[in-house]
Amino acid sequence: MPGTGKHWIIPGIRYVRITRHARERMKQRRVSEQELIEALRNPLEHAYDKANDVYIAFNGSVAVVYAYHPPIIEIVTVLREKEYRHLVKRLSNRRYKLIRQDMGQDN
């Protein structure tokens, strides 16, 4: 992973910090740092969680929940597709605002 210590830089994304909780979930859910980066760079869906003031980037297989504290993106947790779909289905009308949905269609 680029950088050293707790923070690293992804070109075009700024500084990234992965919380201890997120690292634990990455290990538990077998999500690699490369998968995390891909979800941030190329989300198919991007949502905002009003209740927790966090964003969710989902690329079809991995959802990354993060807070943006300029210039740092703090990774709060990661989810696999099944967990993400369940969460959005349960709370979508009350908490989440879909910012972007790109289903891979060429325009």
C-alpha atoms as a PDB file:
ATOM      1  CA  MET A   1       0.000   0.000   0.000  1.00  0.00           C
ATOM      2  CA  PRO A   2       1.354   3.457  -0.858  1.00  0.00           C
ATOM      3  CA  GLY A   3       2.510   5.666   1.978  1.00  0.00           C
ATOM      4  CA  THR A   4       3.554   4.872   5.493  1.00  0.00           C
ATOM      5  CA  GLY A   5       1.913   4.647   8.882  1.00  0.00           C
ATOM      6  CA  LYS A   6      -1.815   5.151   9.281  1.00  0.00           C
ATOM      7  CA  HIS A   7      -2.236   7.513   6.321  1.00  0.00           C
ATOM      8  CA  TRP A   8      -1.513   6.987   2.675  1.00  0.00           C
ATOM      9  CA  ILE A   9      -2.212   8.812  -0.555  1.00  0.00           C
ATOM     10  CA  ILE A  10      -4.194   7.488  -3.509  1.00  0.00           C
ATOM     11  CA  PRO A  11      -3.730   9.662  -6.607  1.00  0.00           C
ATOM     12  CA  GLY A  12      -6.973  11.511  -7.252  1.00  0.00           C
ATOM     13  CA  ILE A  13      -8.465  10.530  -3.884  1.00  0.00           C
ATOM     14  CA  ARG A  14      -6.274  12.440  -1.361  1.00  0.00           C
ATOM     15  CA  TYR A  15      -5.143  11.164   2.027  1.00  0.00           C
ATOM     16  CA  VAL A  16      -6.780   7.998   3.316  1.00  0.00           C
ATOM     17  CA  ARG A  17      -6.912   6.701   6.886  1.00  0.00           C
ATOM     18  CA  ILE A  18      -8.314   3.264   7.688  1.00  0.00           C
ATOM     19  CA  THR A  19      -9.751   2.988  11.188  1.00  0.00           C
ATOM     20  CA  ARG A  20      -9.008   0.004  13.401  1.00  0.00           C
ATOM     21  CA  HIS A  21     -12.652  -1.081  13.058  1.00  0.00           C
ATOM     22  CA  ALA A  22     -12.420  -0.952   9.253  1.00  0.00           C
ATOM     23  CA  ARG A  23      -9.208  -3.014   9.274  1.00  0.00           C
ATOM     24  CA  GLU A  24     -10.917  -5.617  11.463  1.00  0.00           C
ATOM     25  CA  ARG A  25     -13.887  -5.774   9.080  1.00  0.00           C
ATOM     26  CA  MET A  26     -11.562  -5.995   6.070  1.00  0.00           C
ATOM     27  CA  LYS A  27      -9.897  -9.018   7.620  1.00  0.00           C
ATOM     28  CA  GLN A  28     -13.208 -10.585   8.705  1.00  0.00           C
ATOM     29  CA  ARG A  29     -14.847 -10.018   5.295  1.00  0.00           C
ATOM     30  CA  ARG A  30     -11.702 -10.766   3.298  1.00  0.00           C
ATOM     31  CA  VAL A  31     -11.566  -7.364   1.609  1.00  0.00           C
ATOM     32  CA  SER A  32      -8.150  -6.360   0.316  1.00  0.00           C
ATOM     33  CA  GLU A  33      -6.777  -2.826   0.248  1.00  0.00           C
ATOM     34  CA  GLN A  34      -6.860  -3.025  -3.561  1.00  0.00           C
ATOM     35  CA  GLU A  35     -10.603  -3.827  -3.473  1.00  0.00           C
ATOM     36  CA  LEU A  36     -11.125  -0.885  -1.125  1.00  0.00           C
ATOM     37  CA  ILE A  37      -9.285   1.453  -3.505  1.00  0.00           C
ATOM     38  CA  GLU A  38     -11.275   0.179  -6.486  1.00  0.00           C
ATOM     39  CA  ALA A  39     -14.569   0.828  -4.698  1.00  0.00           C
ATOM     40  CA  LEU A  40     -13.485   4.400  -3.901  1.00  0.00           C
ATOM     41  CA  ARG A  41     -12.225   5.072  -7.418  1.00  0.00           C
ATOM     42  CA  ASN A  42     -14.985   3.389  -9.412  1.00  0.00           C
ATOM     43  CA  PRO A  43     -18.276   3.255  -7.503  1.00  0.00           C
ATOM     44  CA  LEU A  44     -21.408   2.071  -9.287  1.00  0.00           C
ATOM     45  CA  GLU A  45     -23.459   3.556  -6.467  1.00  0.00           C
ATOM     46  CA  HIS A  46     -22.568   6.424  -4.184  1.00  0.00           C
ATOM     47  CA  ALA A  47     -24.809   7.241  -1.235  1.00  0.00           C
ATOM     48  CA  TYR A  48     -24.876   9.657   1.670  1.00  0.00           C
ATOM     49  CA  ASP A  49     -25.939   8.525   5.154  1.00  0.00           C
ATOM     50  CA  LYS A  50     -27.606  11.572   6.723  1.00  0.00           C
ATOM     51  CA  ALA A  51     -27.766  10.073  10.212  1.00  0.00           C
ATOM     52  CA  ASN A  52     -24.023   9.457  10.505  1.00  0.00           C
ATOM     53  CA  ASP A  53     -22.669  12.056   8.056  1.00  0.00           C
ATOM     54  CA  VAL A  54     -20.781   9.432   6.073  1.00  0.00           C
ATOM     55  CA  TYR A  55     -20.643   8.371   2.444  1.00  0.00           C
ATOM     56  CA  ILE A  56     -20.842   4.893   0.951  1.00  0.00           C
ATOM     57  CA  ALA A  57     -19.064   3.954  -2.267  1.00  0.00           C
ATOM     58  CA  PHE A  58     -20.197   0.610  -3.730  1.00  0.00           C
ATOM     59  CA  ASN A  59     -18.581  -0.968  -6.785  1.00  0.00           C
ATOM     60  CA  GLY A  60     -20.743  -4.069  -7.139  1.00  0.00           C
ATOM     61  CA  SER A  61     -18.864  -6.269  -4.704  1.00  0.00           C
ATOM     62  CA  VAL A  62     -17.460  -4.018  -1.954  1.00  0.00           C
ATOM     63  CA  ALA A  63     -19.023  -1.062  -0.147  1.00  0.00           C
ATOM     64  CA  VAL A  64     -16.723   1.391   1.613  1.00  0.00           C
ATOM     65  CA  VAL A  65     -18.230   3.575   4.325  1.00  0.00           C
ATOM     66  CA  TYR A  66     -16.163   6.707   4.812  1.00  0.00           C
ATOM     67  CA  ALA A  67     -16.176  10.157   6.377  1.00  0.00           C
ATOM     68  CA  TYR A  68     -14.626  13.094   4.582  1.00  0.00           C
ATOM     69  CA  HIS A  69     -12.631  15.427   6.799  1.00  0.00           C
ATOM     70  CA  PRO A  70     -10.646  17.529   4.293  1.00  0.00           C
ATOM     71  CA  PRO A  71      -8.078  16.603   3.215  1.00  0.00           C
ATOM     72  CA  ILE A  72      -8.512  13.140   4.796  1.00  0.00           C
ATOM     73  CA  ILE A  73     -10.901  10.378   3.817  1.00  0.00           C
ATOM     74  CA  GLU A  74     -11.444   8.203   6.888  1.00  0.00           C
ATOM     75  CA  ILE A  75     -12.559   4.657   6.143  1.00  0.00           C
ATOM     76  CA  VAL A  76     -15.120   3.735   8.802  1.00  0.00           C
ATOM     77  CA  THR A  77     -15.988   0.198   7.710  1.00  0.00           C
ATOM     78  CA  VAL A  78     -16.327  -2.077   4.680  1.00  0.00           C
ATOM     79  CA  LEU A  79     -19.164  -4.342   3.608  1.00  0.00           C
ATOM     80  CA  ARG A  80     -19.614  -7.065   1.036  1.00  0.00           C
ATOM     81  CA  GLU A  81     -22.490  -6.861  -1.441  1.00  0.00           C
ATOM     82  CA  LYS A  82     -24.997  -8.904   0.569  1.00  0.00           C
ATOM     83  CA  GLU A  83     -24.449  -6.793   3.711  1.00  0.00           C
ATOM     84  CA  TYR A  84     -24.633  -3.557   1.747  1.00  0.00           C
ATOM     85  CA  ARG A  85     -27.876  -4.525  -0.035  1.00  0.00           C
ATOM     86  CA  HIS A  86     -29.463  -5.566   3.252  1.00  0.00           C
ATOM     87  CA  LEU A  87     -28.475  -2.308   4.945  1.00  0.00           C
ATOM     88  CA  VAL A  88     -29.729  -0.099   2.124  1.00  0.00           C
ATOM     89  CA  LYS A  89     -32.991  -2.031   1.833  1.00  0.00           C
ATOM     90  CA  ARG A  90     -33.642  -1.722   5.565  1.00  0.00           C
ATOM     91  CA  LEU A  91     -32.746   1.950   5.934  1.00  0.00           C
ATOM     92  CA  SER A  92     -32.935   3.535   2.484  1.00  0.00           C
ATOM     93  CA  ASN A  93     -36.086   5.594   2.926  1.00  0.00           C
ATOM     94  CA  ARG A  94     -35.034   6.963   6.297  1.00  0.00           C
ATOM     95  CA  ARG A  95     -31.293   7.537   6.083  1.00  0.00           C
ATOM     96  CA  TYR A  96     -29.700   7.207   2.686  1.00  0.00           C
ATOM     97  CA  LYS A  97     -29.678   9.572  -0.221  1.00  0.00           C
ATOM     98  CA  LEU A  98     -28.426   8.074  -3.467  1.00  0.00           C
ATOM     99  CA  ILE A  99     -25.934  10.515  -4.940  1.00  0.00           C
ATOM    100  CA  ARG A 100     -24.943   8.539  -8.005  1.00  0.00           C
ATOM    101  CA  GLN A 101     -26.011   5.315  -9.615  1.00  0.00           C
ATOM    102  CA  ASP A 102     -24.096   4.058 -12.625  1.00  0.00           C
ATOM    103  CA  MET A 103     -25.181   0.660 -13.795  1.00  0.00           C
ATOM    104  CA  GLY A 104     -22.417   0.437 -16.390  1.00  0.00           C
ATOM    105  CA  GLN A 105     -24.420   1.790 -19.308  1.00  0.00           C
ATOM    106  CA  ASP A 106     -22.537   3.705 -21.999  1.00  0.00           C
ATOM    107  CA  ASN A 107     -23.991   7.127 -22.740  1.00  0.00           C
END
